[in-house]
């Protein structure tokens, strides 16, 4: 006697859902191992449960990075290029901020003032005066 068909939908009961996940996870891992042995296929599986636990399988003699690289070549795209470009933009932005802050520090120390316009020099003087007042107030307070 064969098994009856079940309707594929989300299992509402959390305990039953976890039991089914565990059994089916074991089944898919077994099938992946069999596929690797029988057909000499390179297989990688990564699964995340609803609780956040992860399980993985990778064929012997290969690694997941290698399989991702082959996948990227097969579909003709890069999975990481967008993230890399975003990191490059962030790095460039942070370098600009760092350069501006270093320039500001040098100018407050009295260096690199030749490139400043009259208005910028006046603003710098006002900033230095304000900082001096705060230092004096703190000194008198102590």
C-alpha atoms as a PDB file:
ATOM      1  CA  UNK A   1       0.000   0.000   0.000  1.00  0.00           C
ATOM      2  CA  UNK A   2       1.438   3.342  -1.018  1.00  0.00           C
ATOM      3  CA  UNK A   3       1.506   6.581   0.871  1.00  0.00           C
ATOM      4  CA  UNK A   4      -1.219   9.116   0.363  1.00  0.00           C
ATOM      5  CA  UNK A   5      -0.442  12.464  -1.216  1.00  0.00           C
ATOM      6  CA  UNK A   6      -0.152  15.414   1.115  1.00  0.00           C
ATOM      7  CA  UNK A   7      -0.999  18.975   0.325  1.00  0.00           C
ATOM      8  CA  UNK A   8       2.173  21.074   0.194  1.00  0.00           C
ATOM      9  CA  UNK A   9       1.525  24.037   2.458  1.00  0.00           C
ATOM     10  CA  UNK A  10       3.024  25.492   5.606  1.00  0.00           C
ATOM     11  CA  UNK A  11       2.612  23.286   8.671  1.00  0.00           C
ATOM     12  CA  UNK A  12       0.950  25.420  11.335  1.00  0.00           C
ATOM     13  CA  UNK A  13       1.926  23.356  14.378  1.00  0.00           C
ATOM     14  CA  UNK A  14       5.500  24.365  15.333  1.00  0.00           C
ATOM     15  CA  UNK A  15       6.420  20.952  16.755  1.00  0.00           C
ATOM     16  CA  UNK A  16       5.174  19.080  13.702  1.00  0.00           C
ATOM     17  CA  UNK A  17       6.900  21.613  11.449  1.00  0.00           C
ATOM     18  CA  UNK A  18      10.241  21.067  13.231  1.00  0.00           C
ATOM     19  CA  UNK A  19       9.913  17.270  13.078  1.00  0.00           C
ATOM     20  CA  UNK A  20       9.091  17.422   9.370  1.00  0.00           C
ATOM     21  CA  UNK A  21      12.026  19.775   8.741  1.00  0.00           C
ATOM     22  CA  UNK A  22      14.403  17.440  10.553  1.00  0.00           C
ATOM     23  CA  UNK A  23      13.217  14.347   8.655  1.00  0.00           C
ATOM     24  CA  UNK A  24      13.204  16.027   5.257  1.00  0.00           C
ATOM     25  CA  UNK A  25      16.591  17.627   5.918  1.00  0.00           C
ATOM     26  CA  UNK A  26      18.024  14.191   6.585  1.00  0.00           C
ATOM     27  CA  UNK A  27      16.387  12.907   3.409  1.00  0.00           C
ATOM     28  CA  UNK A  28      17.728  15.667   1.188  1.00  0.00           C
ATOM     29  CA  UNK A  29      21.217  15.294   2.648  1.00  0.00           C
ATOM     30  CA  UNK A  30      21.053  11.532   1.955  1.00  0.00           C
ATOM     31  CA  UNK A  31      19.934  12.191  -1.624  1.00  0.00           C
ATOM     32  CA  UNK A  32      22.782  14.682  -2.107  1.00  0.00           C
ATOM     33  CA  UNK A  33      25.344  12.123  -0.866  1.00  0.00           C
ATOM     34  CA  UNK A  34      23.880   9.466  -3.149  1.00  0.00           C
ATOM     35  CA  UNK A  35      23.917  11.817  -6.136  1.00  0.00           C
ATOM     36  CA  UNK A  36      27.560  12.637  -5.441  1.00  0.00           C
ATOM     37  CA  UNK A  37      28.580   8.971  -5.231  1.00  0.00           C
ATOM     38  CA  UNK A  38      26.437   7.531  -8.020  1.00  0.00           C
ATOM     39  CA  UNK A  39      26.849  10.287 -10.598  1.00  0.00           C
ATOM     40  CA  UNK A  40      30.170  11.854  -9.575  1.00  0.00           C
ATOM     41  CA  UNK A  41      28.348  15.190  -9.308  1.00  0.00           C
ATOM     42  CA  UNK A  42      29.531  18.166  -7.302  1.00  0.00           C
ATOM     43  CA  UNK A  43      26.752  19.100  -4.913  1.00  0.00           C
ATOM     44  CA  UNK A  44      26.478  21.808  -2.272  1.00  0.00           C
ATOM     45  CA  UNK A  45      23.450  22.395  -0.075  1.00  0.00           C
ATOM     46  CA  UNK A  46      23.015  25.146   2.481  1.00  0.00           C
ATOM     47  CA  UNK A  47      19.837  25.226   4.571  1.00  0.00           C
ATOM     48  CA  UNK A  48      18.649  27.552   7.306  1.00  0.00           C
ATOM     49  CA  UNK A  49      15.874  26.453   9.627  1.00  0.00           C
ATOM     50  CA  UNK A  50      13.213  28.811  10.902  1.00  0.00           C
ATOM     51  CA  UNK A  51      15.142  28.962  14.197  1.00  0.00           C
ATOM     52  CA  UNK A  52      18.250  30.207  12.397  1.00  0.00           C
ATOM     53  CA  UNK A  53      20.318  27.028  12.594  1.00  0.00           C
ATOM     54  CA  UNK A  54      22.149  26.145   9.412  1.00  0.00           C
ATOM     55  CA  UNK A  55      23.053  22.812   7.887  1.00  0.00           C
ATOM     56  CA  UNK A  56      25.309  22.239   4.933  1.00  0.00           C
ATOM     57  CA  UNK A  57      26.525  19.504   2.674  1.00  0.00           C
ATOM     58  CA  UNK A  58      29.337  19.667   0.171  1.00  0.00           C
ATOM     59  CA  UNK A  59      30.659  16.890  -2.035  1.00  0.00           C
ATOM     60  CA  UNK A  60      33.950  15.372  -0.987  1.00  0.00           C
ATOM     61  CA  UNK A  61      36.928  16.851  -2.785  1.00  0.00           C
ATOM     62  CA  UNK A  62      35.205  20.195  -3.322  1.00  0.00           C
ATOM     63  CA  UNK A  63      34.448  23.223  -1.238  1.00  0.00           C
ATOM     64  CA  UNK A  64      31.457  25.556  -1.197  1.00  0.00           C
ATOM     65  CA  UNK A  65      33.490  28.503  -2.482  1.00  0.00           C
ATOM     66  CA  UNK A  66      34.568  26.463  -5.498  1.00  0.00           C
ATOM     67  CA  UNK A  67      30.977  25.524  -6.235  1.00  0.00           C
ATOM     68  CA  UNK A  68      29.872  29.163  -5.914  1.00  0.00           C
ATOM     69  CA  UNK A  69      32.643  30.167  -8.317  1.00  0.00           C
ATOM     70  CA  UNK A  70      31.515  27.544 -10.846  1.00  0.00           C
ATOM     71  CA  UNK A  71      27.906  28.690 -10.414  1.00  0.00           C
ATOM     72  CA  UNK A  72      28.902  32.299 -11.119  1.00  0.00           C
ATOM     73  CA  UNK A  73      30.748  31.214 -14.280  1.00  0.00           C
ATOM     74  CA  UNK A  74      27.780  29.131 -15.418  1.00  0.00           C
ATOM     75  CA  UNK A  75      25.256  31.960 -15.083  1.00  0.00           C
ATOM     76  CA  UNK A  76      27.711  34.646 -16.181  1.00  0.00           C
ATOM     77  CA  UNK A  77      27.354  36.962 -13.214  1.00  0.00           C
ATOM     78  CA  UNK A  78      29.055  37.747  -9.953  1.00  0.00           C
ATOM     79  CA  UNK A  79      27.256  37.250  -6.670  1.00  0.00           C
ATOM     80  CA  UNK A  80      29.644  39.532  -4.810  1.00  0.00           C
ATOM     81  CA  UNK A  81      30.251  42.422  -7.231  1.00  0.00           C
ATOM     82  CA  UNK A  82      27.425  44.582  -5.859  1.00  0.00           C
ATOM     83  CA  UNK A  83      28.626  44.110  -2.276  1.00  0.00           C
ATOM     84  CA  UNK A  84      32.223  44.789  -3.351  1.00  0.00           C
ATOM     85  CA  UNK A  85      31.224  47.996  -5.164  1.00  0.00           C
ATOM     86  CA  UNK A  86      29.229  49.128  -2.133  1.00  0.00           C
ATOM     87  CA  UNK A  87      32.227  48.521   0.117  1.00  0.00           C
ATOM     88  CA  UNK A  88      34.465  50.445  -2.321  1.00  0.00           C
ATOM     89  CA  UNK A  89      32.052  53.419  -2.251  1.00  0.00           C
ATOM     90  CA  UNK A  90      31.980  53.343   1.548  1.00  0.00           C
ATOM     91  CA  UNK A  91      35.778  53.136   1.688  1.00  0.00           C
ATOM     92  CA  UNK A  92      36.132  56.067  -0.720  1.00  0.00           C
ATOM     93  CA  UNK A  93      33.662  58.124   1.333  1.00  0.00           C
ATOM     94  CA  UNK A  94      35.508  57.350   4.574  1.00  0.00           C
ATOM     95  CA  UNK A  95      38.851  58.240   2.960  1.00  0.00           C
ATOM     96  CA  UNK A  96      37.407  61.616   1.904  1.00  0.00           C
ATOM     97  CA  UNK A  97      36.186  62.263   5.448  1.00  0.00           C
ATOM     98  CA  UNK A  98      39.572  61.241   6.856  1.00  0.00           C
ATOM     99  CA  UNK A  99      41.421  63.515   4.402  1.00  0.00           C
ATOM    100  CA  UNK A 100      39.166  66.466   5.264  1.00  0.00           C
ATOM    101  CA  UNK A 101      39.609  65.923   8.996  1.00  0.00           C
ATOM    102  CA  UNK A 102      43.390  65.685   8.644  1.00  0.00           C
ATOM    103  CA  UNK A 103      43.417  68.892   6.598  1.00  0.00           C
ATOM    104  CA  UNK A 104      41.297  70.613   9.245  1.00  0.00           C
ATOM    105  CA  UNK A 105      43.649  69.457  12.004  1.00  0.00           C
ATOM    106  CA  UNK A 106      46.703  70.724  10.085  1.00  0.00           C
ATOM    107  CA  UNK A 107      45.013  74.056   9.506  1.00  0.00           C
ATOM    108  CA  UNK A 108      44.143  74.387  13.200  1.00  0.00           C
ATOM    109  CA  UNK A 109      47.808  73.708  13.926  1.00  0.00           C
ATOM    110  CA  UNK A 110      48.733  76.580  11.599  1.00  0.00           C
ATOM    111  CA  UNK A 111      49.862  74.497   8.627  1.00  0.00           C
ATOM    112  CA  UNK A 112      48.556  74.462   5.013  1.00  0.00           C
ATOM    113  CA  UNK A 113      46.993  77.915   5.292  1.00  0.00           C
ATOM    114  CA  UNK A 114      48.198  79.117   1.874  1.00  0.00           C
ATOM    115  CA  UNK A 115      45.316  77.492  -0.029  1.00  0.00           C
ATOM    116  CA  UNK A 116      42.606  79.128   2.119  1.00  0.00           C
ATOM    117  CA  UNK A 117      40.509  82.075   0.976  1.00  0.00           C
ATOM    118  CA  UNK A 118      39.887  85.078   3.214  1.00  0.00           C
ATOM    119  CA  UNK A 119      36.457  83.817   4.324  1.00  0.00           C
ATOM    120  CA  UNK A 120      37.871  80.386   5.182  1.00  0.00           C
ATOM    121  CA  UNK A 121      40.667  82.000   7.196  1.00  0.00           C
ATOM    122  CA  UNK A 122      38.120  84.094   9.095  1.00  0.00           C
ATOM    123  CA  UNK A 123      35.998  81.008   9.811  1.00  0.00           C
ATOM    124  CA  UNK A 124      39.085  79.158  11.014  1.00  0.00           C
ATOM    125  CA  UNK A 125      40.002  82.072  13.280  1.00  0.00           C
ATOM    126  CA  UNK A 126      36.483  82.087  14.763  1.00  0.00           C
ATOM    127  CA  UNK A 127      36.632  78.329  15.348  1.00  0.00           C
ATOM    128  CA  UNK A 128      40.003  78.649  17.074  1.00  0.00           C
ATOM    129  CA  UNK A 129      38.695  81.538  19.222  1.00  0.00           C
ATOM    130  CA  UNK A 130      35.632  79.507  20.234  1.00  0.00           C
ATOM    131  CA  UNK A 131      37.820  76.517  21.104  1.00  0.00           C
ATOM    132  CA  UNK A 132      40.146  78.771  23.121  1.00  0.00           C
ATOM    133  CA  UNK A 133      37.200  80.142  25.104  1.00  0.00           C
ATOM    134  CA  UNK A 134      36.027  76.598  25.920  1.00  0.00           C
ATOM    135  CA  UNK A 135      39.524  75.606  27.039  1.00  0.00           C
ATOM    136  CA  UNK A 136      39.765  78.685  29.290  1.00  0.00           C
ATOM    137  CA  UNK A 137      36.340  78.013  30.783  1.00  0.00           C
ATOM    138  CA  UNK A 138      37.310  74.443  31.518  1.00  0.00           C
ATOM    139  CA  UNK A 139      40.638  75.594  33.009  1.00  0.00           C
ATOM    140  CA  UNK A 140      38.938  78.104  35.318  1.00  0.00           C
ATOM    141  CA  UNK A 141      36.332  75.525  36.298  1.00  0.00           C
ATOM    142  CA  UNK A 142      39.046  73.061  37.349  1.00  0.00           C
END
